[in-house]
N, C-alpha and C. Protein backbone atom coordinates (compact mmCIF):
# COMPACT_ATOMS: atom_id res chain seq x y z
N MET A 1 -35.55 77.51 -92.29
CA MET A 1 -36.32 77.19 -93.47
C MET A 1 -36.23 75.69 -93.73
N SER A 2 -37.09 74.96 -93.18
CA SER A 2 -37.15 73.53 -93.42
C SER A 2 -38.55 73.21 -93.92
N PRO A 3 -38.66 72.34 -94.94
CA PRO A 3 -40.00 72.01 -95.42
C PRO A 3 -40.90 71.51 -94.30
N HIS A 4 -42.15 71.78 -94.41
CA HIS A 4 -43.19 71.43 -93.44
C HIS A 4 -43.11 69.93 -93.12
N PRO A 5 -42.90 69.53 -91.84
CA PRO A 5 -42.76 68.11 -91.51
C PRO A 5 -43.88 67.20 -92.04
N PRO A 6 -45.18 67.62 -91.99
CA PRO A 6 -46.21 66.74 -92.55
C PRO A 6 -45.98 66.44 -94.04
N LEU A 7 -45.35 67.36 -94.75
CA LEU A 7 -45.04 67.08 -96.16
C LEU A 7 -44.07 65.91 -96.26
N LEU A 8 -43.06 65.90 -95.39
CA LEU A 8 -42.10 64.80 -95.40
C LEU A 8 -42.78 63.50 -94.98
N GLN A 9 -43.59 63.56 -93.94
CA GLN A 9 -44.29 62.37 -93.46
C GLN A 9 -45.25 61.83 -94.51
N ALA A 10 -45.84 62.73 -95.31
CA ALA A 10 -46.78 62.31 -96.36
C ALA A 10 -46.06 61.89 -97.63
N GLY A 11 -44.74 62.04 -97.66
CA GLY A 11 -43.98 61.63 -98.83
C GLY A 11 -44.08 62.59 -100.00
N VAL A 12 -44.47 63.83 -99.74
CA VAL A 12 -44.61 64.82 -100.82
C VAL A 12 -43.25 65.11 -101.42
N LYS A 13 -43.19 65.16 -102.74
CA LYS A 13 -41.97 65.47 -103.48
C LYS A 13 -42.17 66.76 -104.27
N ALA A 14 -41.09 67.43 -104.55
CA ALA A 14 -41.16 68.63 -105.39
C ALA A 14 -41.72 68.24 -106.75
N LYS A 15 -42.64 69.04 -107.26
CA LYS A 15 -43.24 68.76 -108.56
C LYS A 15 -42.48 69.45 -109.69
N ALA A 16 -41.57 70.33 -109.34
CA ALA A 16 -40.72 71.00 -110.32
C ALA A 16 -39.28 70.65 -110.01
N LYS A 17 -38.42 70.77 -111.01
CA LYS A 17 -37.00 70.54 -110.77
C LYS A 17 -36.54 71.51 -109.69
N PHE A 18 -35.88 70.98 -108.66
CA PHE A 18 -35.51 71.77 -107.49
C PHE A 18 -34.03 71.58 -107.23
N THR A 19 -33.23 72.58 -107.60
CA THR A 19 -31.80 72.50 -107.38
C THR A 19 -31.40 73.57 -106.36
N ILE A 20 -30.46 73.19 -105.52
CA ILE A 20 -29.98 74.07 -104.46
C ILE A 20 -28.48 74.25 -104.65
N THR A 21 -28.03 75.49 -104.72
CA THR A 21 -26.61 75.78 -104.89
C THR A 21 -26.13 76.58 -103.69
N PRO A 22 -25.43 75.94 -102.75
CA PRO A 22 -24.92 76.69 -101.59
C PRO A 22 -23.96 77.78 -102.05
N GLY A 23 -23.99 78.92 -101.38
CA GLY A 23 -23.17 80.06 -101.79
C GLY A 23 -21.70 79.95 -101.46
N SER A 24 -21.33 78.99 -100.63
CA SER A 24 -19.93 78.82 -100.25
C SER A 24 -19.75 77.44 -99.64
N GLU A 25 -18.51 77.07 -99.41
CA GLU A 25 -18.22 75.79 -98.74
C GLU A 25 -18.75 75.83 -97.30
N GLN A 26 -18.67 76.98 -96.66
CA GLN A 26 -19.17 77.08 -95.29
C GLN A 26 -20.69 76.85 -95.25
N VAL A 27 -21.41 77.41 -96.22
CA VAL A 27 -22.86 77.21 -96.26
C VAL A 27 -23.16 75.74 -96.56
N ARG A 28 -22.44 75.12 -97.50
CA ARG A 28 -22.67 73.72 -97.83
C ARG A 28 -22.45 72.84 -96.60
N ALA A 29 -21.32 73.05 -95.92
CA ALA A 29 -21.01 72.24 -94.73
C ALA A 29 -22.04 72.47 -93.62
N THR A 30 -22.51 73.69 -93.48
CA THR A 30 -23.49 74.00 -92.43
C THR A 30 -24.83 73.35 -92.72
N ILE A 31 -25.31 73.42 -93.97
CA ILE A 31 -26.60 72.79 -94.27
C ILE A 31 -26.50 71.27 -94.22
N GLU A 32 -25.31 70.74 -94.48
CA GLU A 32 -25.13 69.29 -94.31
C GLU A 32 -25.18 68.94 -92.83
N ARG A 33 -24.42 69.65 -92.03
CA ARG A 33 -24.37 69.42 -90.57
C ARG A 33 -25.76 69.54 -89.94
N ASP A 34 -26.53 70.53 -90.37
CA ASP A 34 -27.82 70.82 -89.75
C ASP A 34 -28.99 70.03 -90.35
N GLY A 35 -28.71 69.11 -91.27
CA GLY A 35 -29.74 68.22 -91.79
C GLY A 35 -30.55 68.72 -92.98
N PHE A 36 -30.22 69.89 -93.49
CA PHE A 36 -31.00 70.43 -94.61
C PHE A 36 -30.78 69.64 -95.90
N ILE A 37 -29.57 69.17 -96.15
CA ILE A 37 -29.32 68.41 -97.38
C ILE A 37 -30.18 67.15 -97.39
N GLU A 38 -30.26 66.47 -96.27
CA GLU A 38 -31.10 65.27 -96.19
C GLU A 38 -32.57 65.63 -96.46
N THR A 39 -33.04 66.73 -95.88
CA THR A 39 -34.41 67.17 -96.11
C THR A 39 -34.64 67.50 -97.59
N PHE A 40 -33.72 68.25 -98.20
CA PHE A 40 -33.84 68.57 -99.62
C PHE A 40 -33.89 67.29 -100.46
N ASN A 41 -33.04 66.33 -100.14
CA ASN A 41 -33.04 65.06 -100.87
C ASN A 41 -34.37 64.33 -100.71
N GLN A 42 -34.94 64.35 -99.51
CA GLN A 42 -36.21 63.65 -99.26
C GLN A 42 -37.35 64.22 -100.09
N ILE A 43 -37.32 65.51 -100.40
CA ILE A 43 -38.41 66.07 -101.21
C ILE A 43 -38.06 66.12 -102.69
N GLY A 44 -36.92 65.52 -103.07
CA GLY A 44 -36.55 65.45 -104.48
C GLY A 44 -35.64 66.56 -104.95
N GLY A 45 -35.10 67.33 -104.02
CA GLY A 45 -34.16 68.37 -104.39
C GLY A 45 -32.78 67.79 -104.66
N VAL A 46 -31.99 68.55 -105.40
CA VAL A 46 -30.62 68.15 -105.70
C VAL A 46 -29.70 69.28 -105.27
N VAL A 47 -28.79 68.99 -104.34
CA VAL A 47 -27.84 69.99 -103.89
C VAL A 47 -26.62 69.92 -104.80
N LEU A 48 -26.36 71.03 -105.49
CA LEU A 48 -25.23 71.11 -106.42
C LEU A 48 -23.97 71.57 -105.68
N ALA A 49 -22.88 71.61 -106.40
CA ALA A 49 -21.63 72.10 -105.81
C ALA A 49 -21.79 73.56 -105.42
N ASN A 50 -21.06 73.97 -104.42
CA ASN A 50 -21.07 75.37 -104.03
C ASN A 50 -20.20 76.13 -105.04
N ALA A 51 -20.87 76.57 -106.09
CA ALA A 51 -20.19 77.25 -107.19
C ALA A 51 -21.15 78.23 -107.86
N CYS A 52 -20.66 78.96 -108.80
CA CYS A 52 -21.47 80.00 -109.45
C CYS A 52 -22.13 79.56 -110.75
N GLY A 53 -22.04 78.30 -111.11
CA GLY A 53 -22.57 77.83 -112.40
C GLY A 53 -23.95 78.32 -112.78
N PRO A 54 -25.00 78.00 -112.00
CA PRO A 54 -26.33 78.41 -112.40
C PRO A 54 -26.56 79.91 -112.43
N CYS A 55 -25.84 80.66 -111.61
CA CYS A 55 -26.12 82.10 -111.58
C CYS A 55 -25.32 82.86 -112.62
N ILE A 56 -24.45 82.20 -113.37
CA ILE A 56 -23.70 82.90 -114.42
C ILE A 56 -23.91 82.24 -115.79
N GLY A 57 -25.06 81.61 -115.97
CA GLY A 57 -25.41 81.09 -117.28
C GLY A 57 -24.78 79.77 -117.65
N GLN A 58 -24.25 79.03 -116.70
CA GLN A 58 -23.62 77.75 -117.01
C GLN A 58 -24.48 76.57 -116.61
N TRP A 59 -25.77 76.78 -116.45
CA TRP A 59 -26.71 75.73 -116.10
C TRP A 59 -26.98 74.92 -117.36
N ASP A 60 -26.60 73.68 -117.37
CA ASP A 60 -26.81 72.80 -118.52
C ASP A 60 -28.19 72.18 -118.43
N ARG A 61 -29.19 72.92 -118.90
CA ARG A 61 -30.57 72.46 -118.81
C ARG A 61 -30.85 71.43 -119.90
N THR A 62 -31.53 70.39 -119.52
CA THR A 62 -31.95 69.37 -120.49
C THR A 62 -33.47 69.31 -120.60
N ASP A 63 -34.17 70.06 -119.74
CA ASP A 63 -35.63 70.02 -119.74
C ASP A 63 -36.26 71.02 -120.71
N VAL A 64 -35.49 72.00 -121.19
CA VAL A 64 -36.00 73.02 -122.08
C VAL A 64 -34.99 73.24 -123.20
N LYS A 65 -35.47 73.32 -124.42
CA LYS A 65 -34.58 73.58 -125.56
C LYS A 65 -34.29 75.07 -125.67
N LYS A 66 -33.11 75.41 -126.17
CA LYS A 66 -32.78 76.82 -126.41
C LYS A 66 -33.85 77.43 -127.30
N GLY A 67 -34.30 78.62 -126.93
CA GLY A 67 -35.32 79.32 -127.69
C GLY A 67 -36.74 78.99 -127.28
N GLU A 68 -36.92 77.98 -126.41
CA GLU A 68 -38.26 77.62 -125.94
C GLU A 68 -38.65 78.52 -124.77
N ARG A 69 -39.83 79.12 -124.86
CA ARG A 69 -40.31 79.99 -123.78
C ARG A 69 -40.58 79.17 -122.53
N ASN A 70 -40.11 79.68 -121.39
CA ASN A 70 -40.30 79.00 -120.12
C ASN A 70 -40.06 79.98 -119.00
N SER A 71 -40.39 79.57 -117.80
CA SER A 71 -40.18 80.40 -116.61
C SER A 71 -39.49 79.58 -115.53
N ILE A 72 -38.67 80.26 -114.75
CA ILE A 72 -38.07 79.66 -113.57
C ILE A 72 -38.26 80.64 -112.42
N ILE A 73 -38.17 80.12 -111.22
CA ILE A 73 -38.16 80.96 -110.03
C ILE A 73 -36.87 80.63 -109.29
N THR A 74 -36.15 81.66 -108.91
CA THR A 74 -34.82 81.48 -108.37
C THR A 74 -34.57 82.45 -107.22
N SER A 75 -33.65 82.10 -106.34
CA SER A 75 -33.27 83.05 -105.30
C SER A 75 -31.93 83.71 -105.64
N PHE A 76 -31.38 83.40 -106.83
CA PHE A 76 -30.18 84.11 -107.29
C PHE A 76 -30.57 85.53 -107.65
N ASN A 77 -29.72 86.48 -107.41
CA ASN A 77 -30.04 87.86 -107.75
C ASN A 77 -29.66 88.18 -109.20
N ARG A 78 -29.88 87.25 -110.07
CA ARG A 78 -29.58 87.42 -111.50
C ARG A 78 -30.81 87.04 -112.29
N ASN A 79 -31.57 88.02 -112.77
CA ASN A 79 -32.77 87.68 -113.51
C ASN A 79 -32.84 88.35 -114.87
N PHE A 80 -31.70 88.80 -115.40
CA PHE A 80 -31.77 89.40 -116.72
C PHE A 80 -31.66 88.32 -117.80
N THR A 81 -32.03 88.67 -119.01
CA THR A 81 -32.16 87.73 -120.12
C THR A 81 -30.95 86.82 -120.24
N ALA A 82 -31.20 85.52 -120.28
CA ALA A 82 -30.22 84.46 -120.52
C ALA A 82 -29.21 84.28 -119.39
N ARG A 83 -29.36 84.98 -118.31
CA ARG A 83 -28.35 84.92 -117.25
C ARG A 83 -28.24 83.54 -116.60
N ASN A 84 -29.36 82.90 -116.29
CA ASN A 84 -29.29 81.63 -115.56
C ASN A 84 -28.93 80.45 -116.45
N ASP A 85 -29.55 80.36 -117.61
CA ASP A 85 -29.37 79.15 -118.43
C ASP A 85 -28.93 79.42 -119.86
N GLY A 86 -28.62 80.65 -120.20
CA GLY A 86 -28.18 80.97 -121.56
C GLY A 86 -29.32 81.03 -122.56
N ASN A 87 -30.56 80.86 -122.11
CA ASN A 87 -31.73 80.86 -123.00
C ASN A 87 -32.40 82.23 -122.91
N THR A 88 -32.46 82.95 -124.03
CA THR A 88 -33.07 84.28 -124.04
C THR A 88 -34.58 84.23 -123.81
N GLU A 89 -35.18 83.06 -123.88
CA GLU A 89 -36.63 82.93 -123.68
C GLU A 89 -37.00 82.47 -122.27
N THR A 90 -36.01 82.37 -121.38
CA THR A 90 -36.30 82.01 -119.99
C THR A 90 -36.63 83.27 -119.21
N HIS A 91 -37.81 83.28 -118.62
CA HIS A 91 -38.19 84.36 -117.73
C HIS A 91 -37.88 83.92 -116.31
N ALA A 92 -36.97 84.64 -115.65
CA ALA A 92 -36.53 84.28 -114.31
C ALA A 92 -37.14 85.24 -113.30
N PHE A 93 -37.87 84.68 -112.35
CA PHE A 93 -38.47 85.46 -111.28
C PHE A 93 -37.66 85.24 -110.01
N VAL A 94 -37.28 86.32 -109.34
CA VAL A 94 -36.46 86.25 -108.14
C VAL A 94 -37.37 86.28 -106.91
N ALA A 95 -37.12 85.36 -105.98
CA ALA A 95 -37.90 85.27 -104.75
C ALA A 95 -37.01 84.80 -103.61
N SER A 96 -37.55 84.78 -102.42
CA SER A 96 -36.81 84.29 -101.26
C SER A 96 -36.60 82.79 -101.38
N PRO A 97 -35.60 82.24 -100.70
CA PRO A 97 -35.41 80.78 -100.72
C PRO A 97 -36.66 80.02 -100.24
N GLU A 98 -37.38 80.59 -99.26
CA GLU A 98 -38.58 79.93 -98.76
C GLU A 98 -39.66 79.86 -99.82
N LEU A 99 -39.85 80.95 -100.57
CA LEU A 99 -40.86 80.97 -101.62
C LEU A 99 -40.45 80.07 -102.78
N VAL A 100 -39.18 80.07 -103.13
CA VAL A 100 -38.69 79.18 -104.19
C VAL A 100 -38.97 77.72 -103.81
N THR A 101 -38.72 77.36 -102.55
CA THR A 101 -38.97 76.00 -102.08
C THR A 101 -40.45 75.66 -102.17
N ALA A 102 -41.30 76.57 -101.73
CA ALA A 102 -42.75 76.33 -101.80
C ALA A 102 -43.21 76.15 -103.24
N MET A 103 -42.70 76.97 -104.15
CA MET A 103 -43.09 76.88 -105.56
C MET A 103 -42.59 75.58 -106.19
N ALA A 104 -41.39 75.14 -105.81
CA ALA A 104 -40.88 73.87 -106.34
C ALA A 104 -41.74 72.71 -105.87
N ILE A 105 -42.15 72.75 -104.61
CA ILE A 105 -43.01 71.69 -104.08
C ILE A 105 -44.35 71.69 -104.80
N ALA A 106 -44.91 72.87 -105.02
CA ALA A 106 -46.21 72.98 -105.69
C ALA A 106 -46.11 72.71 -107.19
N GLY A 107 -44.99 73.10 -107.79
CA GLY A 107 -44.81 72.91 -109.23
C GLY A 107 -45.65 73.82 -110.09
N ASP A 108 -46.06 74.98 -109.56
CA ASP A 108 -46.97 75.86 -110.29
C ASP A 108 -46.72 77.30 -109.83
N LEU A 109 -46.40 78.18 -110.77
CA LEU A 109 -46.15 79.57 -110.42
C LEU A 109 -47.40 80.30 -109.92
N ARG A 110 -48.55 79.71 -110.13
CA ARG A 110 -49.80 80.32 -109.64
C ARG A 110 -50.08 79.95 -108.18
N PHE A 111 -49.28 79.07 -107.60
CA PHE A 111 -49.47 78.63 -106.22
C PHE A 111 -49.27 79.79 -105.25
N ASN A 112 -50.19 79.95 -104.32
CA ASN A 112 -50.09 80.96 -103.28
C ASN A 112 -49.90 80.23 -101.95
N PRO A 113 -48.67 80.21 -101.42
CA PRO A 113 -48.43 79.44 -100.19
C PRO A 113 -49.19 79.97 -98.98
N ALA A 114 -49.71 81.19 -99.04
CA ALA A 114 -50.47 81.74 -97.92
C ALA A 114 -51.89 81.19 -97.87
N THR A 115 -52.40 80.72 -99.03
CA THR A 115 -53.80 80.29 -99.07
C THR A 115 -54.02 78.91 -99.67
N ASP A 116 -53.13 78.48 -100.56
CA ASP A 116 -53.33 77.22 -101.28
C ASP A 116 -52.79 76.03 -100.50
N THR A 117 -53.17 74.83 -100.93
CA THR A 117 -52.72 73.59 -100.28
C THR A 117 -51.95 72.73 -101.27
N ILE A 118 -51.20 71.79 -100.72
CA ILE A 118 -50.45 70.80 -101.50
C ILE A 118 -51.20 69.48 -101.38
N LYS A 119 -51.41 68.80 -102.50
CA LYS A 119 -52.10 67.52 -102.49
C LYS A 119 -51.07 66.39 -102.33
N THR A 120 -51.34 65.51 -101.37
CA THR A 120 -50.46 64.37 -101.14
C THR A 120 -50.81 63.23 -102.10
N GLU A 121 -49.96 62.22 -102.12
CA GLU A 121 -50.20 61.07 -102.99
C GLU A 121 -51.53 60.38 -102.69
N ASP A 122 -51.94 60.40 -101.42
CA ASP A 122 -53.20 59.74 -101.06
C ASP A 122 -54.40 60.69 -101.11
N GLY A 123 -54.21 61.89 -101.69
CA GLY A 123 -55.31 62.81 -101.91
C GLY A 123 -55.59 63.80 -100.81
N ARG A 124 -54.83 63.74 -99.71
CA ARG A 124 -55.03 64.72 -98.64
C ARG A 124 -54.50 66.08 -99.07
N GLU A 125 -55.07 67.13 -98.49
CA GLU A 125 -54.61 68.49 -98.74
C GLU A 125 -53.84 68.98 -97.52
N ILE A 126 -52.62 69.47 -97.73
CA ILE A 126 -51.78 69.98 -96.65
C ILE A 126 -51.44 71.43 -96.94
N LYS A 127 -51.61 72.28 -95.95
CA LYS A 127 -51.26 73.69 -96.10
C LYS A 127 -49.87 73.92 -95.51
N LEU A 128 -49.08 74.71 -96.20
CA LEU A 128 -47.76 75.05 -95.69
C LEU A 128 -47.89 76.01 -94.52
N GLU A 129 -47.01 75.86 -93.55
CA GLU A 129 -46.94 76.81 -92.45
C GLU A 129 -46.09 77.99 -92.90
N ASN A 130 -46.25 79.12 -92.23
CA ASN A 130 -45.38 80.26 -92.52
C ASN A 130 -43.95 79.86 -92.20
N PRO A 131 -42.98 80.29 -93.03
CA PRO A 131 -41.59 79.95 -92.75
C PRO A 131 -41.13 80.56 -91.43
N LEU A 132 -40.32 79.82 -90.73
CA LEU A 132 -39.79 80.27 -89.45
C LEU A 132 -38.35 79.79 -89.40
N GLY A 133 -37.46 80.68 -89.12
CA GLY A 133 -36.06 80.27 -89.07
C GLY A 133 -35.20 81.32 -88.42
N ASN A 134 -33.94 81.02 -88.31
CA ASN A 134 -32.98 81.93 -87.72
C ASN A 134 -32.25 82.67 -88.84
N GLU A 135 -31.88 83.89 -88.57
CA GLU A 135 -31.10 84.66 -89.55
C GLU A 135 -29.73 83.99 -89.77
N LEU A 136 -29.16 83.48 -88.70
CA LEU A 136 -27.87 82.80 -88.76
C LEU A 136 -27.99 81.46 -88.05
N PRO A 137 -27.17 80.47 -88.43
CA PRO A 137 -27.23 79.18 -87.75
C PRO A 137 -26.95 79.33 -86.26
N PRO A 138 -27.78 78.73 -85.40
CA PRO A 138 -27.60 78.88 -83.94
C PRO A 138 -26.23 78.45 -83.43
N THR A 139 -25.62 77.47 -84.10
CA THR A 139 -24.29 77.02 -83.65
C THR A 139 -23.18 77.55 -84.56
N GLY A 140 -23.49 78.59 -85.33
CA GLY A 140 -22.48 79.18 -86.21
C GLY A 140 -22.30 78.38 -87.49
N PHE A 141 -21.46 78.88 -88.35
CA PHE A 141 -21.17 78.21 -89.62
C PHE A 141 -20.09 77.15 -89.41
N ASP A 142 -20.24 76.06 -90.13
CA ASP A 142 -19.23 75.00 -90.17
C ASP A 142 -18.15 75.47 -91.14
N LYS A 143 -16.89 75.31 -90.80
CA LYS A 143 -15.80 75.77 -91.68
C LYS A 143 -15.75 75.00 -92.98
N GLY A 144 -16.25 73.76 -92.97
CA GLY A 144 -16.20 72.97 -94.19
C GLY A 144 -14.83 72.41 -94.46
N GLU A 145 -14.63 72.01 -95.71
CA GLU A 145 -13.36 71.39 -96.10
C GLU A 145 -12.54 72.35 -96.95
N ASN A 146 -11.24 72.34 -96.73
CA ASN A 146 -10.29 73.11 -97.55
C ASN A 146 -10.62 74.59 -97.63
N THR A 147 -11.00 75.19 -96.49
CA THR A 147 -11.30 76.63 -96.51
C THR A 147 -10.26 77.41 -95.74
């Protein structure tokens, strides 16, 4: 699951706040080793600590006030009221990491990555390719630090 190379070449950035929380130190070390952190940074993503903060309601959101209706799309398997950010008015939609990435790049929940295009800074339209990846890292997981 790596963003479409023409998007990187065109300088496309995520239009929505895009945070990535690795599930463990091994996952964090592996995505760093395999270049995913650099790719996420290039499109405006922020890789957080490998911890449970966002999935257990400890996300310190500054973009939405408590009680303000809003929606997020997440790959965490926690979508009940107030679970992600402590806000009872946040509607959380659960999707695959690939779909979450596509939606963050598009910045619109109405975006259909199978049919819609992303507009570049210079006005070109780029269509996302279907995601293609390995179930497990080809060279295995990196042990990381202090594991």
